[in-house]
Amino acid sequence: MTEFSSPANPYLAKLHGVAASNNLTTINSIEFAKHMDEQDELNQFRNEFGFPKVAEGKRPIYLCGNSLGLQPKRLRTEVIKQLDKWEKQAVEGHCTGLY
């Protein structure tokens, strides 16, 4: 048994408590994962990112350590603004604005 699966691990005990209080039999289930996603206070930001296309009706699970991550949807607009600034101001653009 590792420290992460030990019953003495307070984080693991809390997860088991969440499962039990929501009538879920295990923390190793898709139902538990969905419940935790619904409770996640950051879940509102999920829609601000573009997800790669996969099978119809399925959302991918995106875990990649060698990545910039999922592309923020508003990134394209911000990049275009910077390209336009570069085109119009060239090097002088370094002296204006936020960047």
Protein backbone atom coordinates (compact mmCIF):
# COMPACT_ATOMS: atom_id res chain seq x y z
CA MET A 1 0.00 0.00 0.00
CA THR A 2 1.32 3.46 -0.88
CA GLU A 3 0.81 6.65 1.11
CA PHE A 4 -1.85 7.65 -1.43
CA SER A 5 -3.94 4.53 -0.88
CA SER A 6 -3.40 4.26 2.86
CA PRO A 7 -6.53 4.53 5.02
CA ALA A 8 -4.53 6.96 7.17
CA ASN A 9 -4.32 9.43 4.27
CA PRO A 10 -6.71 12.27 5.24
CA TYR A 11 -7.33 13.26 1.60
CA LEU A 12 -8.33 9.75 0.66
CA ALA A 13 -10.56 9.52 3.74
CA LYS A 14 -12.26 12.77 2.71
CA LEU A 15 -12.88 11.44 -0.81
CA HIS A 16 -14.40 8.26 0.60
CA GLY A 17 -16.59 10.42 2.85
CA VAL A 18 -17.80 12.45 -0.14
CA ALA A 19 -18.62 9.23 -1.99
CA ALA A 20 -20.51 7.76 0.96
CA SER A 21 -22.51 10.94 1.61
CA ASN A 22 -23.64 10.92 -2.04
CA ASN A 23 -24.61 7.23 -2.11
CA LEU A 24 -21.65 6.36 -4.30
CA THR A 25 -20.02 3.05 -3.49
CA THR A 26 -16.49 3.85 -4.67
CA ILE A 27 -14.23 6.73 -5.59
CA ASN A 28 -12.99 4.70 -8.56
CA SER A 29 -16.05 5.18 -10.74
CA ILE A 30 -17.22 7.42 -13.54
CA GLU A 31 -20.17 8.43 -11.34
CA PHE A 32 -17.82 9.72 -8.64
CA ALA A 33 -15.72 11.58 -11.21
CA LYS A 34 -18.84 13.22 -12.66
CA HIS A 35 -20.02 14.18 -9.18
CA MET A 36 -16.65 15.76 -8.38
CA ASP A 37 -16.68 17.64 -11.71
CA GLU A 38 -20.12 19.05 -10.91
CA GLN A 39 -18.90 20.24 -7.50
CA ASP A 40 -15.66 21.76 -8.82
CA GLU A 41 -15.75 25.54 -8.28
CA LEU A 42 -13.59 25.99 -11.40
CA ASN A 43 -15.86 24.00 -13.72
CA GLN A 44 -17.34 27.24 -15.09
CA PHE A 45 -14.06 27.88 -16.91
CA ARG A 46 -14.25 24.64 -18.93
CA ASN A 47 -16.27 26.37 -21.66
CA GLU A 48 -13.54 28.98 -22.17
CA PHE A 49 -11.26 26.43 -23.85
CA GLY A 50 -11.37 24.65 -27.19
CA PHE A 51 -11.41 20.87 -26.93
CA PRO A 52 -10.16 18.61 -29.72
CA LYS A 53 -12.89 16.86 -31.71
CA VAL A 54 -13.52 13.24 -30.75
CA ALA A 55 -16.39 10.80 -31.18
CA GLU A 56 -19.82 12.42 -31.39
CA GLY A 57 -21.15 13.43 -27.99
CA LYS A 58 -17.95 12.66 -26.10
CA ARG A 59 -15.67 15.15 -24.39
CA PRO A 60 -12.01 14.19 -24.35
CA ILE A 61 -9.95 13.83 -21.23
CA TYR A 62 -6.94 16.03 -21.87
CA LEU A 63 -3.87 15.20 -19.79
CA CYS A 64 -0.56 16.10 -21.36
CA GLY A 65 2.50 17.19 -19.41
CA ASN A 66 4.38 18.41 -22.50
CA SER A 67 1.82 20.89 -23.69
CA LEU A 68 0.66 24.47 -23.46
CA GLY A 69 -2.69 22.94 -22.60
CA LEU A 70 -5.99 23.52 -24.27
CA GLN A 71 -6.24 26.71 -26.30
CA PRO A 72 -8.25 29.48 -24.65
CA LYS A 73 -11.05 30.48 -27.02
CA ARG A 74 -10.22 34.18 -26.73
CA LEU A 75 -6.54 33.64 -27.54
CA ARG A 76 -7.07 33.97 -31.31
CA THR A 77 -8.57 37.47 -30.87
CA GLU A 78 -5.70 38.56 -28.62
CA VAL A 79 -3.05 37.24 -31.02
CA ILE A 80 -4.70 39.06 -33.95
CA LYS A 81 -4.66 42.29 -31.91
CA GLN A 82 -0.93 41.92 -31.33
CA LEU A 83 -0.26 41.10 -34.99
CA ASP A 84 -2.24 44.18 -36.04
CA LYS A 85 -0.29 46.31 -33.57
CA TRP A 86 3.01 44.94 -34.91
CA GLU A 87 1.92 45.65 -38.49
CA LYS A 88 0.90 49.23 -37.73
CA GLN A 89 3.61 50.25 -35.25
CA ALA A 90 6.53 47.90 -35.91
CA VAL A 91 9.20 48.27 -33.22
CA GLU A 92 7.49 51.36 -31.80
CA GLY A 93 4.72 49.02 -30.60
CA HIS A 94 7.08 47.93 -27.80
CA CYS A 95 6.64 51.34 -26.22
CA THR A 96 2.84 51.36 -26.09
CA GLY A 97 0.16 49.26 -24.48
CA LEU A 98 0.40 46.53 -21.89
CA TYR A 99 3.08 44.40 -23.54
